[in-house]
C-alpha atoms as a PDB file:
ATOM      1  CA  MET A   1      68.602 -29.079  38.170  1.00  0.00           C
ATOM      2  CA  SER A   2      68.710 -32.712  39.300  1.00  0.00           C
ATOM      3  CA  LEU A   3      71.240 -33.273  42.064  1.00  0.00           C
ATOM      4  CA  LYS A   4      72.217 -36.598  43.602  1.00  0.00           C
ATOM      5  CA  ILE A   5      73.960 -35.520  46.782  1.00  0.00           C
ATOM      6  CA  VAL A   6      76.759 -37.136  48.748  1.00  0.00           C
ATOM      7  CA  LEU A   7      77.502 -35.790  52.210  1.00  0.00           C
ATOM      8  CA  PHE A   8      81.165 -36.002  53.192  1.00  0.00           C
ATOM      9  CA  ALA A   9      80.898 -36.377  56.951  1.00  0.00           C
ATOM     10  CA  TYR A  10      82.428 -37.870  60.093  1.00  0.00           C
ATOM     11  CA  GLY A  11      81.283 -41.072  61.742  1.00  0.00           C
ATOM     12  CA  PHE A  12      82.394 -40.062  65.245  1.00  0.00           C
ATOM     13  CA  PRO A  13      80.404 -37.562  67.377  1.00  0.00           C
ATOM     14  CA  HIS A  14      80.523 -34.370  65.318  1.00  0.00           C
ATOM     15  CA  ARG A  15      78.118 -31.458  65.623  1.00  0.00           C
ATOM     16  CA  LYS A  16      78.333 -30.249  62.030  1.00  0.00           C
ATOM     17  CA  THR A  17      77.702 -33.723  60.627  1.00  0.00           C
ATOM     18  CA  ILE A  18      74.510 -34.126  62.667  1.00  0.00           C
ATOM     19  CA  ASP A  19      73.245 -30.596  62.037  1.00  0.00           C
ATOM     20  CA  PHE A  20      73.938 -30.749  58.302  1.00  0.00           C
ATOM     21  CA  ILE A  21      71.992 -34.007  57.947  1.00  0.00           C
ATOM     22  CA  LYS A  22      69.062 -32.542  59.888  1.00  0.00           C
ATOM     23  CA  THR A  23      69.119 -29.200  58.060  1.00  0.00           C
ATOM     24  CA  ILE A  24      69.277 -30.727  54.588  1.00  0.00           C
ATOM     25  CA  CYS A  25      66.502 -33.241  55.273  1.00  0.00           C
ATOM     26  CA  GLN A  26      64.246 -30.845  57.182  1.00  0.00           C
ATOM     27  CA  HIS A  27      64.329 -28.493  54.185  1.00  0.00           C
ATOM     28  CA  ASN A  28      63.167 -31.359  51.958  1.00  0.00           C
ATOM     29  CA  PHE A  29      66.407 -31.972  50.102  1.00  0.00           C
ATOM     30  CA  GLU A  30      67.427 -35.577  49.576  1.00  0.00           C
ATOM     31  CA  ILE A  31      70.822 -37.014  50.520  1.00  0.00           C
ATOM     32  CA  SER A  32      71.625 -39.989  48.293  1.00  0.00           C
ATOM     33  CA  LEU A  33      74.729 -41.127  50.182  1.00  0.00           C
ATOM     34  CA  ILE A  34      76.729 -40.352  53.320  1.00  0.00           C
ATOM     35  CA  LEU A  35      80.434 -41.151  53.427  1.00  0.00           C
ATOM     36  CA  ALA A  36      81.349 -41.207  57.126  1.00  0.00           C
ATOM     37  CA  ALA A  37      85.076 -41.089  57.845  1.00  0.00           C
ATOM     38  CA  ASP A  38      86.732 -42.184  61.075  1.00  0.00           C
ATOM     39  CA  ARG A  39      88.664 -39.799  63.280  1.00  0.00           C
ATOM     40  CA  ILE A  40      92.263 -39.207  62.242  1.00  0.00           C
ATOM     41  CA  LYS A  41      94.743 -38.123  64.881  1.00  0.00           C
ATOM     42  CA  ILE A  42      96.596 -35.012  63.772  1.00  0.00           C
ATOM     43  CA  LYS A  43      99.230 -33.022  65.576  1.00  0.00           C
ATOM     44  CA  SER A  44      97.726 -29.674  66.501  1.00  0.00           C
ATOM     45  CA  PRO A  45      98.733 -26.780  68.785  1.00  0.00           C
ATOM     46  CA  LYS A  46      96.924 -26.714  72.122  1.00  0.00           C
ATOM     47  CA  SER A  47      94.229 -24.097  72.441  1.00  0.00           C
ATOM     48  CA  PHE A  48      94.517 -21.068  74.689  1.00  0.00           C
ATOM     49  CA  PHE A  49      90.779 -20.452  74.329  1.00  0.00           C
ATOM     50  CA  ASN A  50      88.013 -22.592  75.808  1.00  0.00           C
ATOM     51  CA  ILE A  51      85.395 -22.947  73.091  1.00  0.00           C
ATOM     52  CA  PRO A  52      82.700 -25.365  74.358  1.00  0.00           C
ATOM     53  CA  GLN A  53      81.864 -28.268  72.061  1.00  0.00           C
ATOM     54  CA  LYS A  54      78.220 -29.330  71.914  1.00  0.00           C
ATOM     55  CA  ASP A  55      77.584 -33.026  72.413  1.00  0.00           C
ATOM     56  CA  TYR A  56      74.856 -35.116  70.774  1.00  0.00           C
ATOM     57  CA  ASN A  57      73.119 -38.259  71.957  1.00  0.00           C
ATOM     58  CA  ILE A  58      72.641 -39.506  68.386  1.00  0.00           C
ATOM     59  CA  SER A  59      75.212 -40.684  65.872  1.00  0.00           C
ATOM     60  CA  ALA A  60      75.377 -40.078  62.129  1.00  0.00           C
ATOM     61  CA  TYR A  61      74.559 -43.761  61.634  1.00  0.00           C
ATOM     62  CA  GLU A  62      71.380 -43.546  63.744  1.00  0.00           C
ATOM     63  CA  LEU A  63      70.307 -40.350  62.006  1.00  0.00           C
ATOM     64  CA  ALA A  64      70.957 -41.870  58.585  1.00  0.00           C
ATOM     65  CA  GLU A  65      68.736 -44.802  59.549  1.00  0.00           C
ATOM     66  CA  GLU A  66      66.004 -42.388  60.722  1.00  0.00           C
ATOM     67  CA  TYR A  67      66.052 -40.560  57.373  1.00  0.00           C
ATOM     68  CA  ASN A  68      66.633 -43.746  55.342  1.00  0.00           C
ATOM     69  CA  ILE A  69      69.954 -42.548  53.904  1.00  0.00           C
ATOM     70  CA  PRO A  70      72.624 -45.034  52.768  1.00  0.00           C
ATOM     71  CA  ILE A  71      75.729 -44.484  54.925  1.00  0.00           C
ATOM     72  CA  HIS A  72      79.151 -46.073  54.622  1.00  0.00           C
ATOM     73  CA  ARG A  73      82.090 -45.950  57.015  1.00  0.00           C
ATOM     74  CA  VAL A  74      84.905 -45.153  54.640  1.00  0.00           C
ATOM     75  CA  SER A  75      87.908 -42.920  54.115  1.00  0.00           C
ATOM     76  CA  HIS A  76      86.825 -40.117  51.790  1.00  0.00           C
ATOM     77  CA  ASN A  77      89.725 -40.492  49.359  1.00  0.00           C
ATOM     78  CA  SER A  78      89.743 -44.279  49.269  1.00  0.00           C
ATOM     79  CA  VAL A  79      89.083 -46.499  46.280  1.00  0.00           C
ATOM     80  CA  GLU A  80      86.000 -47.760  48.116  1.00  0.00           C
ATOM     81  CA  ALA A  81      84.638 -44.193  48.396  1.00  0.00           C
ATOM     82  CA  GLN A  82      85.239 -43.636  44.685  1.00  0.00           C
ATOM     83  CA  SER A  83      83.360 -46.847  43.869  1.00  0.00           C
ATOM     84  CA  LEU A  84      80.426 -45.721  46.009  1.00  0.00           C
ATOM     85  CA  LEU A  85      80.268 -42.354  44.233  1.00  0.00           C
ATOM     86  CA  LYS A  86      79.957 -44.226  40.948  1.00  0.00           C
ATOM     87  CA  GLU A  87      77.503 -46.805  42.297  1.00  0.00           C
ATOM     88  CA  TYR A  88      75.085 -44.139  43.557  1.00  0.00           C
ATOM     89  CA  ASN A  89      75.506 -41.934  40.457  1.00  0.00           C
ATOM     90  CA  ILE A  90      76.527 -38.976  42.623  1.00  0.00           C
ATOM     91  CA  ASN A  91      76.843 -35.643  40.830  1.00  0.00           C
ATOM     92  CA  PHE A  92      76.985 -33.150  43.731  1.00  0.00           C
ATOM     93  CA  GLY A  93      78.638 -33.090  47.133  1.00  0.00           C
ATOM     94  CA  ILE A  94      78.417 -31.244  50.434  1.00  0.00           C
ATOM     95  CA  ILE A  95      81.148 -31.140  53.051  1.00  0.00           C
ATOM     96  CA  ALA A  96      80.004 -31.511  56.644  1.00  0.00           C
ATOM     97  CA  GLY A  97      83.421 -32.739  57.700  1.00  0.00           C
ATOM     98  CA  ALA A  98      86.371 -33.824  55.596  1.00  0.00           C
ATOM     99  CA  ARG A  99      90.086 -33.536  55.089  1.00  0.00           C
ATOM    100  CA  ILE A 100      91.432 -32.397  51.721  1.00  0.00           C
ATOM    101  CA  LEU A 101      89.699 -34.281  48.910  1.00  0.00           C
ATOM    102  CA  THR A 102      91.882 -35.569  46.093  1.00  0.00           C
ATOM    103  CA  HIS A 103      91.550 -35.045  42.355  1.00  0.00           C
ATOM    104  CA  ASN A 104      90.303 -38.620  41.936  1.00  0.00           C
ATOM    105  CA  VAL A 105      87.318 -37.830  44.153  1.00  0.00           C
ATOM    106  CA  LEU A 106      86.629 -34.344  42.792  1.00  0.00           C
ATOM    107  CA  LYS A 107      86.430 -35.551  39.202  1.00  0.00           C
ATOM    108  CA  LEU A 108      83.700 -38.042  40.153  1.00  0.00           C
ATOM    109  CA  VAL A 109      81.369 -35.255  41.359  1.00  0.00           C
ATOM    110  CA  PRO A 110      80.733 -33.293  38.137  1.00  0.00           C
ATOM    111  CA  LYS A 111      78.391 -30.586  39.441  1.00  0.00           C
ATOM    112  CA  GLY A 112      80.730 -29.617  42.268  1.00  0.00           C
ATOM    113  CA  ILE A 113      81.238 -30.034  46.006  1.00  0.00           C
ATOM    114  CA  LEU A 114      79.868 -27.354  48.319  1.00  0.00           C
ATOM    115  CA  ASN A 115      81.850 -26.157  51.323  1.00  0.00           C
ATOM    116  CA  LEU A 116      80.737 -23.570  53.882  1.00  0.00           C
ATOM    117  CA  HIS A 117      83.963 -21.969  55.024  1.00  0.00           C
ATOM    118  CA  PRO A 118      83.962 -20.047  58.344  1.00  0.00           C
ATOM    119  CA  GLY A 119      85.805 -17.074  56.864  1.00  0.00           C
ATOM    120  CA  LEU A 120      85.512 -14.604  54.019  1.00  0.00           C
ATOM    121  CA  LEU A 121      87.338 -15.969  50.982  1.00  0.00           C
ATOM    122  CA  PRO A 122      89.674 -15.370  49.327  1.00  0.00           C
ATOM    123  CA  ASP A 123      91.259 -13.300  52.129  1.00  0.00           C
ATOM    124  CA  ILE A 124      90.877 -15.766  55.008  1.00  0.00           C
ATOM    125  CA  ARG A 125      91.789 -19.286  53.915  1.00  0.00           C
ATOM    126  CA  GLY A 126      92.818 -22.340  55.882  1.00  0.00           C
ATOM    127  CA  LEU A 127      92.468 -23.204  59.550  1.00  0.00           C
ATOM    128  CA  ASP A 128      91.473 -21.202  62.630  1.00  0.00           C
ATOM    129  CA  SER A 129      89.682 -18.750  60.352  1.00  0.00           C
ATOM    130  CA  ILE A 130      87.945 -16.871  63.164  1.00  0.00           C
ATOM    131  CA  LEU A 131      91.174 -16.316  65.074  1.00  0.00           C
ATOM    132  CA  TRP A 132      93.057 -15.231  61.952  1.00  0.00           C
ATOM    133  CA  SER A 133      90.223 -12.883  60.935  1.00  0.00           C
ATOM    134  CA  ILE A 134      90.577 -11.126  64.277  1.00  0.00           C
ATOM    135  CA  GLU A 135      94.370 -11.132  64.124  1.00  0.00           C
ATOM    136  CA  LYS A 136      94.386  -9.682  60.593  1.00  0.00           C
ATOM    137  CA  ASP A 137      91.439  -7.342  61.237  1.00  0.00           C
ATOM    138  CA  TYR A 138      89.095  -8.801  58.603  1.00  0.00           C
ATOM    139  CA  PRO A 139      85.309  -8.992  59.042  1.00  0.00           C
ATOM    140  CA  LEU A 140      83.917 -12.312  60.265  1.00  0.00           C
ATOM    141  CA  GLY A 141      81.642 -14.270  57.991  1.00  0.00           C
ATOM    142  CA  VAL A 142      80.960 -17.422  55.985  1.00  0.00           C
ATOM    143  CA  THR A 143      81.721 -18.212  52.352  1.00  0.00           C
ATOM    144  CA  ALA A 144      79.729 -20.774  50.377  1.00  0.00           C
ATOM    145  CA  HIS A 145      81.937 -22.097  47.577  1.00  0.00           C
ATOM    146  CA  LEU A 146      82.447 -25.042  45.273  1.00  0.00           C
ATOM    147  CA  ILE A 147      85.854 -26.469  46.052  1.00  0.00           C
ATOM    148  CA  ASN A 148      88.693 -27.231  43.676  1.00  0.00           C
ATOM    149  CA  GLU A 149      92.078 -28.856  44.219  1.00  0.00           C
ATOM    150  CA  GLN A 150      93.436 -25.769  45.961  1.00  0.00           C
ATOM    151  CA  ILE A 151      92.534 -25.343  49.624  1.00  0.00           C
ATOM    152  CA  ASP A 152      89.614 -22.963  50.237  1.00  0.00           C
ATOM    153  CA  SER A 153      89.427 -21.858  46.638  1.00  0.00           C
ATOM    154  CA  GLY A 154      87.065 -22.489  43.728  1.00  0.00           C
ATOM    155  CA  VAL A 155      83.738 -20.974  42.742  1.00  0.00           C
ATOM    156  CA  ILE A 156      82.311 -18.552  45.308  1.00  0.00           C
ATOM    157  CA  LEU A 157      78.512 -18.775  45.420  1.00  0.00           C
ATOM    158  CA  ASN A 158      77.776 -16.463  48.347  1.00  0.00           C
ATOM    159  CA  LYS A 159      79.470 -14.592  51.185  1.00  0.00           C
ATOM    160  CA  LYS A 160      77.765 -13.208  54.266  1.00  0.00           C
ATOM    161  CA  LYS A 161      79.104 -11.371  57.329  1.00  0.00           C
ATOM    162  CA  ILE A 162      77.836 -11.931  60.843  1.00  0.00           C
ATOM    163  CA  ASN A 163      76.360  -9.137  62.926  1.00  0.00           C
ATOM    164  CA  ILE A 164      78.575  -8.327  65.911  1.00  0.00           C
ATOM    165  CA  ASN A 165      77.211  -6.808  69.119  1.00  0.00           C
ATOM    166  CA  ILE A 166      79.186  -4.997  71.788  1.00  0.00           C
ATOM    167  CA  ASP A 167      78.362  -7.733  74.321  1.00  0.00           C
ATOM    168  CA  ASP A 168      79.738 -10.525  72.107  1.00  0.00           C
ATOM    169  CA  ASN A 169      82.779 -12.577  73.083  1.00  0.00           C
ATOM    170  CA  LEU A 170      84.884 -15.170  71.301  1.00  0.00           C
ATOM    171  CA  VAL A 171      82.510 -18.006  72.204  1.00  0.00           C
ATOM    172  CA  SER A 172      79.456 -16.141  70.872  1.00  0.00           C
ATOM    173  CA  LEU A 173      81.345 -15.210  67.686  1.00  0.00           C
ATOM    174  CA  TYR A 174      82.122 -18.891  67.056  1.00  0.00           C
ATOM    175  CA  GLU A 175      78.455 -19.759  67.573  1.00  0.00           C
ATOM    176  CA  LYS A 176      77.262 -16.998  65.231  1.00  0.00           C
ATOM    177  CA  ILE A 177      79.617 -18.245  62.503  1.00  0.00           C
ATOM    178  CA  TYR A 178      78.317 -21.789  63.010  1.00  0.00           C
ATOM    179  CA  GLN A 179      74.669 -20.769  62.899  1.00  0.00           C
ATOM    180  CA  LEU A 180      75.307 -18.722  59.756  1.00  0.00           C
ATOM    181  CA  GLN A 181      76.567 -21.869  58.031  1.00  0.00           C
ATOM    182  CA  LEU A 182      73.316 -23.645  58.916  1.00  0.00           C
ATOM    183  CA  TYR A 183      71.324 -20.624  57.695  1.00  0.00           C
ATOM    184  CA  LEU A 184      73.115 -20.489  54.349  1.00  0.00           C
ATOM    185  CA  LEU A 185      73.100 -24.222  53.599  1.00  0.00           C
ATOM    186  CA  PRO A 186      69.447 -24.675  52.486  1.00  0.00           C
ATOM    187  CA  ARG A 187      69.430 -21.313  50.725  1.00  0.00           C
ATOM    188  CA  ILE A 188      72.463 -22.249  48.640  1.00  0.00           C
ATOM    189  CA  LEU A 189      70.922 -25.643  47.842  1.00  0.00           C
ATOM    190  CA  ASN A 190      67.720 -23.959  46.736  1.00  0.00           C
ATOM    191  CA  LEU A 191      69.774 -21.716  44.450  1.00  0.00           C
ATOM    192  CA  LEU A 192      71.573 -24.696  42.942  1.00  0.00           C
ATOM    193  CA  PHE A 193      68.397 -26.727  42.461  1.00  0.00           C
ATOM    194  CA  THR A 194      66.609 -23.885  40.689  1.00  0.00           C
ATOM    195  CA  SER A 195      69.420 -22.250  38.705  1.00  0.00           C
ATOM    196  CA  ASN A 196      72.192 -23.020  36.320  1.00  0.00           C
ATOM    197  CA  TYR A 197      75.430 -21.634  37.663  1.00  0.00           C
ATOM    198  CA  SER A 198      78.681 -20.902  35.880  1.00  0.00           C
ATOM    199  CA  MET A 199      81.783 -22.860  36.868  1.00  0.00           C
ATOM    200  CA  LEU A 200      84.096 -19.858  36.849  1.00  0.00           C
ATOM    201  CA  GLU A 201      87.153 -20.226  39.009  1.00  0.00           C
ATOM    202  CA  VAL A 202      88.155 -17.508  41.442  1.00  0.00           C
ATOM    203  CA  LYS A 203      91.524 -16.214  40.280  1.00  0.00           C
ATOM    204  CA  LYS A 204      92.644 -14.429  43.451  1.00  0.00           C
ATOM    205  CA  ASN A 205      93.795 -16.535  46.384  1.00  0.00           C
ATOM    206  CA  GLY A 206      94.699 -15.123  49.776  1.00  0.00           C
ATOM    207  CA  GLU A 207      97.439 -16.436  52.009  1.00  0.00           C
ATOM    208  CA  TYR A 208      96.761 -19.861  53.520  1.00  0.00           C
ATOM    209  CA  ASN A 209      96.566 -19.895  57.316  1.00  0.00           C
ATOM    210  CA  HIS A 210      97.728 -22.860  59.374  1.00  0.00           C
ATOM    211  CA  LYS A 211      96.534 -23.660  62.883  1.00  0.00           C
ATOM    212  CA  MET A 212      97.401 -20.736  65.122  1.00  0.00           C
ATOM    213  CA  SER A 213     100.183 -21.529  67.565  1.00  0.00           C
ATOM    214  CA  TYR A 214      99.553 -21.361  71.303  1.00  0.00           C
ATOM    215  CA  ASP A 215     101.893 -18.392  71.714  1.00  0.00           C
ATOM    216  CA  LYS A 216     100.197 -16.559  68.835  1.00  0.00           C
ATOM    217  CA  GLN A 217      96.798 -17.203  70.397  1.00  0.00           C
ATOM    218  CA  ILE A 218      97.982 -15.589  73.630  1.00  0.00           C
ATOM    219  CA  GLU A 219      99.376 -12.645  71.689  1.00  0.00           C
ATOM    220  CA  MET A 220      96.178 -12.031  69.714  1.00  0.00           C
ATOM    221  CA  SER A 221      93.849 -12.543  72.703  1.00  0.00           C
ATOM    222  CA  CYS A 222      94.343  -8.908  73.707  1.00  0.00           C
ATOM    223  CA  LYS A 223      92.875  -7.820  70.339  1.00  0.00           C
ATOM    224  CA  ILE A 224      89.476  -9.482  70.783  1.00  0.00           C
ATOM    225  CA  ASP A 225      87.748  -6.761  72.823  1.00  0.00           C
ATOM    226  CA  GLY A 226      88.966  -4.019  70.484  1.00  0.00           C
ATOM    227  CA  TYR A 227      87.918  -6.039  67.448  1.00  0.00           C
ATOM    228  CA  ILE A 228      84.394  -6.531  68.828  1.00  0.00           C
ATOM    229  CA  LYS A 229      84.107  -2.861  69.713  1.00  0.00           C
ATOM    230  CA  LYS A 230      85.216  -1.826  66.222  1.00  0.00           C
ATOM    231  CA  TYR A 231      82.955  -4.183  64.267  1.00  0.00           C
ATOM    232  CA  SER A 232      79.925  -3.728  66.505  1.00  0.00           C
ATOM    233  CA  ASN A 233      79.852  -0.097  65.391  1.00  0.00           C
ATOM    234  CA  LEU A 234      79.564  -0.988  61.695  1.00  0.00           C
END
């Protein structure tokens, strides 16, 4: 299958953007275009948990230059972005960082847009997936799916759980989920490049989760040790 890939990414310092570019290119897949969006300020509950954020000394623009990838600073749903998708004859997309993509963008990427969701769909949809998985007592894992106009829905290509050890903590669980996304990415691309896949929509959709409130985070924090103990025995 011939894929001309666009990477929906962020232009500001963003770990997933950098690691997705490196992972895709180091596994000998070609990115035809990067659409790098600026940061958008959104109102979000403060976090009770301190999850360290890894910093990089290279930007998406520098990395794109290193790998000779066309990159444009543009809002993902803009008319300019839509023109670029047409100009570069894009037929497949990967999300390294993006807000909700509109119908006008989705229809311009005929072979689908891949998202690696840090939760097991369709049960854990939306934001703060790791926290809500613990709160609702669902296994932790990653879902590779082709998005549609509903949030965290579409065609599920693969789901994989993480292995939990008794000495894990919330920080290590976040890192395991992140590393699993990087592990799955080239394997899913290899599947798509070598196979024809059916565009069957997933009918069942779980409840959508919003950002977890500060008070709810405090309330669920007492469940983490018990959750790890339970799932490390499986």
